[in-house]
Amino acid sequence: MPERIREGLATKSMGQEVVYFESIGSTNEVAKGLVDEGAPEGTLVIAEEQTAGKGRRGRRWIAPAGTGLLFSLLLYPDLTLEEVPRLTMLASLAAAEAIESVTGLPVRFKWPNDILIRGRKAGGVLTEVGVTGERIDYVVVGIGLNVNWNPSQVPELAGKATSLSEELGREVSRLELLQRLLRYMEGGYLRLQEGGGGSAQRQGGGFRGRG
């Protein structure tokens, strides 16, 4: 999987280092733990299944293994704490661009976290920040997208959630969707960094992905 993600991925940092799991508690938690290992900016932590994934207000993220996109990106932005919410907006916009370009489906948002298709939730963004005083040490942006399954089969999600395949009537390439999202995310991130007055990127030294 890591090799397939990087193959043909036209980014400088986003997704160039991949940490892959079949199953993990939370990709966000793994990404935060990689900071002390010197993981480089743009490190992608991705899993086929999350057993302790969480969304807004601590709600559990439900998705069968191998059906969605469940990943986190590790960033070292040159931003103030007040500017960090822009990263959540950026990730949502990148997801929307990727979905619309791959599927043609219309995407809307319920700020600050939810990605909607025809009024039902198809994904979400969870941003977590590490700080020392007023200095941002790192930001982890977690993204979950329902791609190839039917959430209405889960009683607690019926009528509230949807997926790309349910809306489109066919399966969607998770790899193509991920690669486009990473490209859109990097483009927006670089523009945001330039607008924020600088760019802070940490090089990865001897770090190696677990994939």
N, C-alpha and C. Protein backbone atom coordinates (compact mmCIF):
# COMPACT_ATOMS: atom_id res chain seq x y z
N MET A 1 0.81 -1.22 0.00
CA MET A 1 0.00 0.00 0.00
C MET A 1 0.85 1.28 0.00
N PRO A 2 1.89 1.43 0.87
CA PRO A 2 2.68 2.66 0.83
C PRO A 2 3.28 2.95 -0.54
N GLU A 3 3.77 1.88 -1.21
CA GLU A 3 4.37 2.09 -2.52
C GLU A 3 3.33 2.54 -3.54
N ARG A 4 2.13 1.98 -3.46
CA ARG A 4 1.07 2.36 -4.39
C ARG A 4 0.66 3.81 -4.17
N ILE A 5 0.64 4.26 -2.92
CA ILE A 5 0.26 5.64 -2.63
C ILE A 5 1.28 6.60 -3.22
N ARG A 6 2.55 6.29 -3.04
CA ARG A 6 3.60 7.21 -3.51
C ARG A 6 3.77 7.17 -5.02
N GLU A 7 3.41 6.06 -5.66
CA GLU A 7 3.60 5.93 -7.10
C GLU A 7 2.74 6.94 -7.86
N GLY A 8 3.40 7.83 -8.56
CA GLY A 8 2.70 8.83 -9.35
C GLY A 8 2.13 9.98 -8.52
N LEU A 9 2.47 10.04 -7.25
CA LEU A 9 1.96 11.11 -6.39
C LEU A 9 2.84 12.35 -6.56
N ALA A 10 2.28 13.36 -7.19
CA ALA A 10 3.07 14.56 -7.51
C ALA A 10 3.01 15.56 -6.36
N THR A 11 3.57 15.17 -5.22
CA THR A 11 3.68 16.10 -4.10
C THR A 11 5.12 16.13 -3.62
N LYS A 12 5.46 17.19 -2.91
CA LYS A 12 6.80 17.31 -2.35
C LYS A 12 6.89 16.68 -0.96
N SER A 13 5.80 16.81 -0.18
CA SER A 13 5.85 16.29 1.18
C SER A 13 4.63 15.45 1.55
N MET A 14 3.45 15.87 1.15
CA MET A 14 2.23 15.20 1.59
C MET A 14 2.16 13.76 1.04
N GLY A 15 2.24 12.80 1.95
CA GLY A 15 2.15 11.41 1.56
C GLY A 15 3.43 10.79 1.06
N GLN A 16 4.54 11.52 1.09
CA GLN A 16 5.80 10.94 0.64
C GLN A 16 6.40 10.01 1.68
N GLU A 17 6.01 10.18 2.92
CA GLU A 17 6.35 9.23 3.99
C GLU A 17 5.04 8.61 4.45
N VAL A 18 4.93 7.29 4.39
CA VAL A 18 3.67 6.61 4.68
C VAL A 18 3.86 5.62 5.82
N VAL A 19 2.96 5.70 6.79
CA VAL A 19 2.90 4.73 7.88
C VAL A 19 1.54 4.04 7.76
N TYR A 20 1.56 2.75 7.45
CA TYR A 20 0.34 2.02 7.08
C TYR A 20 0.01 0.94 8.10
N PHE A 21 -1.29 0.81 8.41
CA PHE A 21 -1.76 -0.23 9.31
C PHE A 21 -3.00 -0.89 8.72
N GLU A 22 -3.12 -2.18 8.92
CA GLU A 22 -4.38 -2.86 8.62
C GLU A 22 -5.45 -2.39 9.59
N SER A 23 -5.10 -2.35 10.88
CA SER A 23 -6.03 -1.92 11.91
C SER A 23 -5.27 -1.18 12.99
N ILE A 24 -5.84 -0.08 13.47
CA ILE A 24 -5.18 0.73 14.50
C ILE A 24 -6.26 1.43 15.31
N GLY A 25 -5.92 1.80 16.53
CA GLY A 25 -6.89 2.51 17.34
C GLY A 25 -7.27 3.84 16.72
N SER A 26 -6.27 4.70 16.51
CA SER A 26 -6.51 6.04 15.96
C SER A 26 -5.29 6.50 15.19
N THR A 27 -5.48 6.88 13.94
CA THR A 27 -4.35 7.39 13.16
C THR A 27 -3.84 8.71 13.73
N ASN A 28 -4.73 9.52 14.30
CA ASN A 28 -4.28 10.76 14.92
C ASN A 28 -3.31 10.50 16.07
N GLU A 29 -3.63 9.51 16.89
CA GLU A 29 -2.77 9.20 18.04
C GLU A 29 -1.42 8.70 17.57
N VAL A 30 -1.39 7.88 16.53
CA VAL A 30 -0.12 7.40 15.99
C VAL A 30 0.69 8.57 15.45
N ALA A 31 0.05 9.45 14.70
CA ALA A 31 0.75 10.60 14.11
C ALA A 31 1.37 11.47 15.20
N LYS A 32 0.63 11.71 16.28
CA LYS A 32 1.18 12.52 17.38
C LYS A 32 2.40 11.84 17.99
N GLY A 33 2.36 10.52 18.08
CA GLY A 33 3.49 9.79 18.65
C GLY A 33 4.73 9.81 17.77
N LEU A 34 4.56 10.08 16.48
CA LEU A 34 5.70 10.10 15.55
C LEU A 34 6.51 11.39 15.63
N VAL A 35 5.97 12.40 16.29
CA VAL A 35 6.68 13.68 16.37
C VAL A 35 8.04 13.50 17.02
N ASP A 36 8.09 12.76 18.13
CA ASP A 36 9.35 12.56 18.85
C ASP A 36 10.34 11.71 18.08
N GLU A 37 9.86 10.99 17.06
CA GLU A 37 10.75 10.19 16.22
C GLU A 37 11.32 11.00 15.06
N GLY A 38 10.94 12.28 14.98
CA GLY A 38 11.45 13.12 13.90
C GLY A 38 10.77 12.90 12.57
N ALA A 39 9.52 12.44 12.61
CA ALA A 39 8.78 12.22 11.36
C ALA A 39 8.69 13.52 10.57
N PRO A 40 8.88 13.46 9.26
CA PRO A 40 8.91 14.67 8.46
C PRO A 40 7.52 15.24 8.21
N GLU A 41 7.50 16.51 7.82
CA GLU A 41 6.24 17.15 7.47
C GLU A 41 5.58 16.41 6.31
N GLY A 42 4.27 16.26 6.44
CA GLY A 42 3.51 15.58 5.41
C GLY A 42 3.41 14.08 5.60
N THR A 43 3.99 13.56 6.70
CA THR A 43 3.88 12.12 6.98
C THR A 43 2.41 11.72 7.02
N LEU A 44 2.09 10.66 6.30
CA LEU A 44 0.73 10.14 6.20
C LEU A 44 0.62 8.87 7.04
N VAL A 45 -0.30 8.88 7.98
CA VAL A 45 -0.63 7.69 8.76
C VAL A 45 -2.00 7.23 8.29
N ILE A 46 -2.07 6.02 7.74
CA ILE A 46 -3.32 5.56 7.13
C ILE A 46 -3.62 4.14 7.58
N ALA A 47 -4.90 3.85 7.75
CA ALA A 47 -5.31 2.53 8.22
C ALA A 47 -6.53 2.05 7.44
N GLU A 48 -6.64 0.74 7.30
CA GLU A 48 -7.84 0.17 6.70
C GLU A 48 -9.01 0.20 7.68
N GLU A 49 -8.67 0.20 8.98
CA GLU A 49 -9.71 0.19 10.01
C GLU A 49 -9.21 0.92 11.24
N GLN A 50 -10.09 1.71 11.86
CA GLN A 50 -9.79 2.36 13.14
C GLN A 50 -10.73 1.79 14.20
N THR A 51 -10.15 1.32 15.29
CA THR A 51 -10.98 0.77 16.36
C THR A 51 -11.32 1.80 17.42
N ALA A 52 -10.58 2.92 17.42
CA ALA A 52 -10.86 3.98 18.39
C ALA A 52 -10.88 5.33 17.71
N GLY A 53 -11.25 5.33 16.42
CA GLY A 53 -11.35 6.59 15.69
C GLY A 53 -12.43 7.46 16.30
N LYS A 54 -12.20 8.76 16.28
CA LYS A 54 -13.17 9.66 16.89
C LYS A 54 -13.44 10.85 16.00
N GLY A 55 -14.62 11.40 16.16
CA GLY A 55 -15.01 12.58 15.42
C GLY A 55 -15.30 13.72 16.35
N ARG A 56 -16.14 14.61 15.88
CA ARG A 56 -16.49 15.78 16.67
C ARG A 56 -17.15 15.37 17.98
N ARG A 57 -16.80 16.08 19.07
CA ARG A 57 -17.34 15.83 20.41
C ARG A 57 -17.06 14.41 20.89
N GLY A 58 -15.96 13.82 20.39
CA GLY A 58 -15.56 12.51 20.86
C GLY A 58 -16.39 11.36 20.34
N ARG A 59 -17.26 11.62 19.37
CA ARG A 59 -18.09 10.54 18.84
C ARG A 59 -17.22 9.51 18.12
N ARG A 60 -17.63 8.24 18.20
CA ARG A 60 -16.89 7.15 17.58
C ARG A 60 -17.08 7.18 16.08
N TRP A 61 -15.97 6.95 15.34
CA TRP A 61 -16.05 6.88 13.89
C TRP A 61 -16.27 5.43 13.49
N ILE A 62 -17.37 5.17 12.80
CA ILE A 62 -17.74 3.81 12.41
C ILE A 62 -17.53 3.62 10.92
N ALA A 63 -16.76 2.58 10.56
CA ALA A 63 -16.56 2.25 9.14
C ALA A 63 -15.99 0.84 9.05
N PRO A 64 -16.57 -0.04 8.23
CA PRO A 64 -16.02 -1.38 8.06
C PRO A 64 -14.62 -1.32 7.46
N ALA A 65 -13.80 -2.29 7.80
CA ALA A 65 -12.42 -2.33 7.32
C ALA A 65 -12.37 -2.35 5.80
N GLY A 66 -11.47 -1.54 5.24
CA GLY A 66 -11.23 -1.56 3.81
C GLY A 66 -12.26 -0.85 2.96
N THR A 67 -13.15 -0.07 3.58
CA THR A 67 -14.22 0.58 2.81
C THR A 67 -14.09 2.09 2.72
N GLY A 68 -13.29 2.68 3.58
CA GLY A 68 -13.20 4.14 3.61
C GLY A 68 -11.78 4.62 3.44
N LEU A 69 -11.62 5.93 3.61
CA LEU A 69 -10.30 6.53 3.74
C LEU A 69 -10.19 7.05 5.16
N LEU A 70 -9.23 6.52 5.90
CA LEU A 70 -9.04 6.88 7.30
C LEU A 70 -7.56 7.20 7.48
N PHE A 71 -7.24 8.48 7.61
CA PHE A 71 -5.82 8.83 7.66
C PHE A 71 -5.60 10.16 8.39
N SER A 72 -4.33 10.37 8.73
CA SER A 72 -3.91 11.60 9.38
C SER A 72 -2.65 12.12 8.72
N LEU A 73 -2.52 13.43 8.68
CA LEU A 73 -1.33 14.09 8.16
C LEU A 73 -0.64 14.86 9.28
N LEU A 74 0.68 14.71 9.37
CA LEU A 74 1.46 15.41 10.38
C LEU A 74 2.08 16.66 9.75
N LEU A 75 1.81 17.81 10.37
CA LEU A 75 2.27 19.09 9.83
C LEU A 75 3.01 19.89 10.90
N TYR A 76 3.93 20.73 10.43
CA TYR A 76 4.66 21.65 11.30
C TYR A 76 4.47 23.07 10.76
N PRO A 77 3.28 23.61 10.89
CA PRO A 77 2.98 24.89 10.23
C PRO A 77 3.56 26.10 10.93
N ASP A 78 3.87 27.09 10.14
CA ASP A 78 4.31 28.39 10.66
C ASP A 78 3.07 29.27 10.78
N LEU A 79 2.23 28.94 11.77
CA LEU A 79 0.98 29.65 11.99
C LEU A 79 0.83 29.95 13.47
N THR A 80 -0.04 30.89 13.77
CA THR A 80 -0.39 31.15 15.16
C THR A 80 -1.52 30.20 15.58
N LEU A 81 -1.76 30.10 16.87
CA LEU A 81 -2.85 29.25 17.36
C LEU A 81 -4.19 29.69 16.77
N GLU A 82 -4.36 31.00 16.64
CA GLU A 82 -5.61 31.52 16.10
C GLU A 82 -5.81 31.13 14.64
N GLU A 83 -4.71 30.85 13.94
CA GLU A 83 -4.80 30.51 12.52
C GLU A 83 -4.99 29.02 12.27
N VAL A 84 -4.81 28.18 13.29
CA VAL A 84 -4.90 26.73 13.11
C VAL A 84 -6.24 26.27 12.53
N PRO A 85 -7.39 26.85 12.93
CA PRO A 85 -8.65 26.41 12.32
C PRO A 85 -8.66 26.48 10.79
N ARG A 86 -7.78 27.30 10.22
CA ARG A 86 -7.70 27.35 8.76
C ARG A 86 -7.28 26.01 8.18
N LEU A 87 -6.51 25.24 8.95
CA LEU A 87 -6.09 23.93 8.47
C LEU A 87 -7.27 22.96 8.37
N THR A 88 -8.21 23.07 9.30
CA THR A 88 -9.41 22.26 9.22
C THR A 88 -10.21 22.61 7.98
N MET A 89 -10.35 23.92 7.74
CA MET A 89 -11.06 24.37 6.54
C MET A 89 -10.33 23.93 5.28
N LEU A 90 -9.01 24.02 5.30
CA LEU A 90 -8.21 23.61 4.14
C LEU A 90 -8.40 22.13 3.85
N ALA A 91 -8.38 21.30 4.88
CA ALA A 91 -8.54 19.86 4.70
C ALA A 91 -9.94 19.55 4.16
N SER A 92 -10.95 20.23 4.67
CA SER A 92 -12.31 20.02 4.17
C SER A 92 -12.42 20.40 2.71
N LEU A 93 -11.82 21.52 2.34
CA LEU A 93 -11.85 21.97 0.95
C LEU A 93 -11.09 21.01 0.04
N ALA A 94 -9.95 20.50 0.51
CA ALA A 94 -9.18 19.54 -0.29
C ALA A 94 -9.99 18.26 -0.50
N ALA A 95 -10.67 17.81 0.55
CA ALA A 95 -11.52 16.62 0.42
C ALA A 95 -12.64 16.86 -0.56
N ALA A 96 -13.26 18.04 -0.48
CA ALA A 96 -14.35 18.37 -1.40
C ALA A 96 -13.87 18.40 -2.84
N GLU A 97 -12.71 19.02 -3.08
CA GLU A 97 -12.16 19.08 -4.43
C GLU A 97 -11.88 17.68 -4.97
N ALA A 98 -11.33 16.82 -4.10
CA ALA A 98 -11.01 15.46 -4.52
C ALA A 98 -12.28 14.69 -4.85
N ILE A 99 -13.28 14.79 -3.98
CA ILE A 99 -14.54 14.07 -4.20
C ILE A 99 -15.21 14.54 -5.48
N GLU A 100 -15.28 15.85 -5.66
CA GLU A 100 -15.97 16.37 -6.84
C GLU A 100 -15.22 16.05 -8.12
N SER A 101 -13.89 16.05 -8.07
CA SER A 101 -13.13 15.77 -9.29
C SER A 101 -13.18 14.29 -9.66
N VAL A 102 -13.26 13.40 -8.66
CA VAL A 102 -13.28 11.97 -8.93
C VAL A 102 -14.69 11.47 -9.24
N THR A 103 -15.70 12.01 -8.55
CA THR A 103 -17.06 11.47 -8.65
C THR A 103 -18.07 12.41 -9.29
N GLY A 104 -17.81 13.71 -9.25
CA GLY A 104 -18.78 14.69 -9.73
C GLY A 104 -19.89 14.98 -8.73
N LEU A 105 -19.82 14.36 -7.55
CA LEU A 105 -20.85 14.58 -6.53
C LEU A 105 -20.70 15.96 -5.90
N PRO A 106 -21.81 16.63 -5.60
CA PRO A 106 -21.74 17.94 -4.96
C PRO A 106 -21.44 17.81 -3.47
N VAL A 107 -20.52 18.61 -2.97
CA VAL A 107 -20.12 18.56 -1.57
C VAL A 107 -20.46 19.87 -0.87
N ARG A 108 -20.97 19.75 0.33
CA ARG A 108 -21.23 20.90 1.18
C ARG A 108 -20.59 20.66 2.53
N PHE A 109 -20.55 21.69 3.36
CA PHE A 109 -19.91 21.57 4.66
C PHE A 109 -20.85 21.98 5.80
N LYS A 110 -20.66 21.35 6.92
CA LYS A 110 -21.24 21.80 8.18
C LYS A 110 -20.05 22.09 9.08
N TRP A 111 -19.69 23.37 9.13
CA TRP A 111 -18.47 23.75 9.85
C TRP A 111 -18.62 23.46 11.33
N PRO A 112 -17.49 23.11 11.98
CA PRO A 112 -16.16 23.15 11.38
C PRO A 112 -15.66 21.82 10.85
N ASN A 113 -16.42 20.72 11.04
CA ASN A 113 -15.83 19.40 10.82
C ASN A 113 -16.46 18.54 9.74
N ASP A 114 -17.73 18.72 9.44
CA ASP A 114 -18.46 17.71 8.67
C ASP A 114 -18.47 17.97 7.17
N ILE A 115 -18.30 16.89 6.40
CA ILE A 115 -18.36 16.91 4.94
C ILE A 115 -19.66 16.24 4.54
N LEU A 116 -20.51 16.96 3.82
CA LEU A 116 -21.86 16.48 3.52
C LEU A 116 -22.07 16.30 2.02
N ILE A 117 -22.85 15.27 1.69
CA ILE A 117 -23.33 15.07 0.33
C ILE A 117 -24.84 14.92 0.41
N ARG A 118 -25.54 15.83 -0.25
CA ARG A 118 -27.01 15.83 -0.25
C ARG A 118 -27.58 15.76 1.16
N GLY A 119 -26.95 16.54 2.03
CA GLY A 119 -27.45 16.71 3.38
C GLY A 119 -27.05 15.65 4.38
N ARG A 120 -26.34 14.62 3.93
CA ARG A 120 -25.93 13.56 4.85
C ARG A 120 -24.41 13.52 4.97
N LYS A 121 -23.93 13.10 6.12
CA LYS A 121 -22.49 13.14 6.39
C LYS A 121 -21.76 12.05 5.63
N ALA A 122 -20.74 12.46 4.89
CA ALA A 122 -19.91 11.51 4.15
C ALA A 122 -18.49 11.48 4.67
N GLY A 123 -18.16 12.41 5.56
CA GLY A 123 -16.80 12.44 6.10
C GLY A 123 -16.65 13.52 7.14
N GLY A 124 -15.46 13.57 7.70
CA GLY A 124 -15.20 14.58 8.71
C GLY A 124 -13.71 14.82 8.87
N VAL A 125 -13.40 15.92 9.53
CA VAL A 125 -12.01 16.34 9.77
C VAL A 125 -11.85 16.60 11.26
N LEU A 126 -10.77 16.08 11.83
CA LEU A 126 -10.46 16.32 13.23
C LEU A 126 -9.02 16.80 13.33
N THR A 127 -8.84 18.04 13.76
CA THR A 127 -7.51 18.65 13.87
C THR A 127 -7.09 18.73 15.33
N GLU A 128 -5.87 18.28 15.61
CA GLU A 128 -5.33 18.31 16.96
C GLU A 128 -3.98 19.00 16.94
N VAL A 129 -3.70 19.77 17.99
CA VAL A 129 -2.52 20.64 18.02
C VAL A 129 -1.66 20.32 19.23
N GLY A 130 -0.35 20.29 19.01
CA GLY A 130 0.61 20.21 20.11
C GLY A 130 1.27 21.56 20.31
N VAL A 131 1.23 22.08 21.52
CA VAL A 131 1.76 23.42 21.77
C VAL A 131 2.70 23.42 22.97
N THR A 132 3.65 24.34 22.94
CA THR A 132 4.49 24.65 24.08
C THR A 132 4.38 26.14 24.30
N GLY A 133 3.66 26.53 25.35
CA GLY A 133 3.39 27.95 25.54
C GLY A 133 2.53 28.45 24.41
N GLU A 134 3.04 29.44 23.69
CA GLU A 134 2.32 29.97 22.53
C GLU A 134 2.84 29.41 21.22
N ARG A 135 3.83 28.51 21.30
CA ARG A 135 4.44 27.98 20.09
C ARG A 135 3.75 26.68 19.67
N ILE A 136 3.44 26.57 18.40
CA ILE A 136 2.88 25.34 17.86
C ILE A 136 4.01 24.36 17.57
N ASP A 137 3.97 23.20 18.20
CA ASP A 137 4.97 22.17 17.94
C ASP A 137 4.61 21.35 16.71
N TYR A 138 3.33 21.03 16.57
CA TYR A 138 2.85 20.24 15.44
C TYR A 138 1.34 20.36 15.34
N VAL A 139 0.82 19.99 14.18
CA VAL A 139 -0.62 19.87 13.99
C VAL A 139 -0.87 18.54 13.28
N VAL A 140 -1.83 17.79 13.78
CA VAL A 140 -2.26 16.56 13.13
C VAL A 140 -3.67 16.78 12.58
N VAL A 141 -3.81 16.57 11.28
CA VAL A 141 -5.12 16.70 10.63
C VAL A 141 -5.61 15.32 10.27
N GLY A 142 -6.67 14.87 10.93
CA GLY A 142 -7.25 13.57 10.65
C GLY A 142 -8.46 13.70 9.74
N ILE A 143 -8.54 12.84 8.74
CA ILE A 143 -9.64 12.88 7.78
C ILE A 143 -10.24 11.48 7.65
N GLY A 144 -11.56 11.41 7.71
CA GLY A 144 -12.26 10.16 7.48
C GLY A 144 -13.32 10.36 6.41
N LEU A 145 -13.34 9.49 5.42
CA LEU A 145 -14.32 9.58 4.34
C LEU A 145 -14.99 8.22 4.14
N ASN A 146 -16.31 8.22 4.05
CA ASN A 146 -17.06 7.01 3.71
C ASN A 146 -17.01 6.84 2.20
N VAL A 147 -16.36 5.79 1.74
CA VAL A 147 -16.17 5.63 0.30
C VAL A 147 -17.03 4.50 -0.27
N ASN A 148 -16.75 3.27 0.12
CA ASN A 148 -17.41 2.13 -0.53
C ASN A 148 -18.18 1.25 0.45
N TRP A 149 -19.18 1.82 1.11
CA TRP A 149 -20.06 1.03 1.96
C TRP A 149 -21.36 1.78 2.15
N ASN A 150 -22.35 1.12 2.76
CA ASN A 150 -23.67 1.69 2.93
C ASN A 150 -23.94 1.96 4.41
N PRO A 151 -23.76 3.20 4.87
CA PRO A 151 -23.96 3.51 6.28
C PRO A 151 -25.38 3.25 6.77
N SER A 152 -26.34 3.22 5.87
CA SER A 152 -27.71 3.00 6.29
C SER A 152 -27.92 1.60 6.86
N GLN A 153 -26.95 0.70 6.65
CA GLN A 153 -27.02 -0.63 7.22
C GLN A 153 -26.74 -0.62 8.72
N VAL A 154 -26.20 0.49 9.22
CA VAL A 154 -25.94 0.64 10.65
C VAL A 154 -27.07 1.48 11.24
N PRO A 155 -27.88 0.91 12.13
CA PRO A 155 -29.07 1.61 12.62
C PRO A 155 -28.81 3.03 13.12
N GLU A 156 -27.71 3.24 13.83
CA GLU A 156 -27.46 4.57 14.39
C GLU A 156 -27.04 5.59 13.33
N LEU A 157 -26.72 5.12 12.12
CA LEU A 157 -26.31 6.04 11.05
C LEU A 157 -27.38 6.21 9.98
N ALA A 158 -28.39 5.39 10.01
CA ALA A 158 -29.42 5.43 8.97
C ALA A 158 -30.05 6.81 8.88
N GLY A 159 -30.05 7.35 7.65
CA GLY A 159 -30.62 8.66 7.41
C GLY A 159 -29.72 9.83 7.76
N LYS A 160 -28.60 9.54 8.44
CA LYS A 160 -27.70 10.61 8.86
C LYS A 160 -26.39 10.63 8.06
N ALA A 161 -25.97 9.44 7.62
CA ALA A 161 -24.68 9.33 6.93
C ALA A 161 -24.89 8.73 5.54
N THR A 162 -23.90 8.95 4.69
CA THR A 162 -23.91 8.38 3.36
C THR A 162 -22.48 8.06 2.96
N SER A 163 -22.31 7.52 1.75
CA SER A 163 -20.98 7.23 1.23
C SER A 163 -20.94 7.60 -0.24
N LEU A 164 -19.75 7.65 -0.77
CA LEU A 164 -19.61 8.00 -2.19
C LEU A 164 -20.22 6.92 -3.08
N SER A 165 -20.01 5.66 -2.74
CA SER A 165 -20.56 4.59 -3.57
C SER A 165 -22.07 4.55 -3.50
N GLU A 166 -22.63 4.84 -2.32
CA GLU A 166 -24.09 4.85 -2.19
C GLU A 166 -24.69 5.95 -3.05
N GLU A 167 -24.06 7.10 -3.07
CA GLU A 167 -24.59 8.23 -3.85
C GLU A 167 -24.36 8.04 -5.34
N LEU A 168 -23.25 7.38 -5.69
CA LEU A 168 -22.86 7.27 -7.09
C LEU A 168 -23.41 6.01 -7.76
N GLY A 169 -23.71 5.00 -6.96
CA GLY A 169 -24.20 3.75 -7.52
C GLY A 169 -23.12 2.82 -8.01
N ARG A 170 -21.89 3.10 -7.65
CA ARG A 170 -20.76 2.24 -8.02
C ARG A 170 -19.61 2.51 -7.07
N GLU A 171 -18.64 1.61 -7.06
CA GLU A 171 -17.48 1.78 -6.21
C GLU A 171 -16.56 2.89 -6.74
N VAL A 172 -15.83 3.47 -5.81
CA VAL A 172 -14.91 4.57 -6.14
C VAL A 172 -13.49 4.15 -5.77
N SER A 173 -12.53 4.53 -6.59
CA SER A 173 -11.12 4.21 -6.30
C SER A 173 -10.64 5.01 -5.10
N ARG A 174 -10.36 4.30 -4.02
CA ARG A 174 -9.85 4.99 -2.82
C ARG A 174 -8.47 5.56 -3.07
N LEU A 175 -7.65 4.86 -3.86
CA LEU A 175 -6.31 5.34 -4.13
C LEU A 175 -6.33 6.64 -4.92
N GLU A 176 -7.14 6.70 -5.97
CA GLU A 176 -7.23 7.93 -6.77
C GLU A 176 -7.74 9.08 -5.91
N LEU A 177 -8.74 8.80 -5.10
CA LEU A 177 -9.30 9.83 -4.23
C LEU A 177 -8.26 10.35 -3.25
N LEU A 178 -7.50 9.45 -2.65
CA LEU A 178 -6.46 9.84 -1.69
C LEU A 178 -5.37 10.67 -2.36
N GLN A 179 -4.90 10.22 -3.50
CA GLN A 179 -3.82 10.95 -4.17
C GLN A 179 -4.24 12.36 -4.57
N ARG A 180 -5.45 12.49 -5.06
CA ARG A 180 -5.91 13.83 -5.42
C ARG A 180 -6.07 14.71 -4.19
N LEU A 181 -6.60 14.12 -3.12
CA LEU A 181 -6.76 14.90 -1.89
C LEU A 181 -5.40 15.39 -1.39
N LEU A 182 -4.41 14.53 -1.41
CA LEU A 182 -3.08 14.92 -0.95
C LEU A 182 -2.50 16.05 -1.80
N ARG A 183 -2.71 15.98 -3.11
CA ARG A 183 -2.21 17.04 -3.99
C ARG A 183 -2.92 18.37 -3.70
N TYR A 184 -4.23 18.32 -3.56
CA TYR A 184 -4.98 19.54 -3.26
C TYR A 184 -4.59 20.08 -1.89
N MET A 185 -4.40 19.19 -0.93
CA MET A 185 -4.02 19.60 0.41
C MET A 185 -2.66 20.30 0.40
N GLU A 186 -1.71 19.75 -0.33
CA GLU A 186 -0.39 20.36 -0.37
C GLU A 186 -0.43 21.74 -1.03
N GLY A 187 -1.15 21.84 -2.13
CA GLY A 187 -1.24 23.14 -2.79
C GLY A 187 -1.83 24.20 -1.88
N GLY A 188 -2.91 23.88 -1.21
CA GLY A 188 -3.53 24.83 -0.30
C GLY A 188 -2.66 25.14 0.90
N TYR A 189 -1.97 24.12 1.40
CA TYR A 189 -1.09 24.30 2.57
C TYR A 189 0.07 25.23 2.24
N LEU A 190 0.66 25.06 1.08
CA LEU A 190 1.77 25.93 0.69
C LEU A 190 1.30 27.37 0.54
N ARG A 191 0.13 27.56 -0.02
CA ARG A 191 -0.40 28.92 -0.14
C ARG A 191 -0.71 29.51 1.23
N LEU A 192 -1.22 28.69 2.12
CA LEU A 192 -1.51 29.16 3.48
C LEU A 192 -0.24 29.54 4.21
N GLN A 193 0.80 28.74 4.06
CA GLN A 193 2.07 29.04 4.70
C GLN A 193 2.66 30.35 4.17
N GLU A 194 2.58 30.55 2.88
CA GLU A 194 3.09 31.78 2.30
C GLU A 194 2.32 32.98 2.83
N GLY A 195 1.02 32.82 2.95
CA GLY A 195 0.20 33.90 3.49
C GLY A 195 0.43 34.15 4.95
N GLY A 196 0.88 33.08 5.67
CA GLY A 196 1.12 33.22 7.10
C GLY A 196 2.49 33.76 7.42
N GLY A 197 3.28 34.03 6.38
CA GLY A 197 4.54 34.71 6.62
C GLY A 197 5.75 33.81 6.67
N GLY A 198 5.58 32.55 6.28
CA GLY A 198 6.78 31.72 6.28
C GLY A 198 6.43 30.26 6.10
N SER A 199 7.44 29.45 6.17
CA SER A 199 7.25 28.01 6.02
C SER A 199 8.18 27.29 6.97
N ALA A 200 7.62 26.42 7.79
CA ALA A 200 8.43 25.67 8.74
C ALA A 200 8.29 24.19 8.43
N GLN A 201 9.30 23.61 7.83
CA GLN A 201 9.26 22.20 7.51
C GLN A 201 10.38 21.49 8.24
N ARG A 202 10.04 20.34 8.85
CA ARG A 202 11.02 19.56 9.56
C ARG A 202 11.45 18.39 8.69
N GLN A 203 12.73 18.26 8.47
CA GLN A 203 13.22 17.17 7.65
C GLN A 203 13.31 15.91 8.48
N GLY A 204 13.17 14.77 7.80
CA GLY A 204 12.91 13.53 8.52
C GLY A 204 14.10 12.76 9.00
N GLY A 205 15.33 13.17 8.73
CA GLY A 205 16.47 12.44 9.24
C GLY A 205 16.41 10.97 8.86
N GLY A 206 16.53 10.10 9.86
CA GLY A 206 16.54 8.67 9.60
C GLY A 206 15.19 8.02 9.75
N PHE A 207 14.13 8.79 9.82
CA PHE A 207 12.81 8.19 10.02
C PHE A 207 12.41 7.35 8.83
N ARG A 208 11.78 6.22 9.12
CA ARG A 208 11.28 5.34 8.07
C ARG A 208 9.84 4.95 8.37
N GLY A 209 9.03 4.85 7.33
CA GLY A 209 7.65 4.45 7.51
C GLY A 209 7.54 3.00 7.94
N ARG A 210 6.39 2.66 8.54
CA ARG A 210 6.14 1.30 9.00
C ARG A 210 5.29 0.54 8.00
N GLY A 211 5.53 0.77 6.75
CA GLY A 211 4.72 0.12 5.74
C GLY A 211 5.53 -0.77 4.85
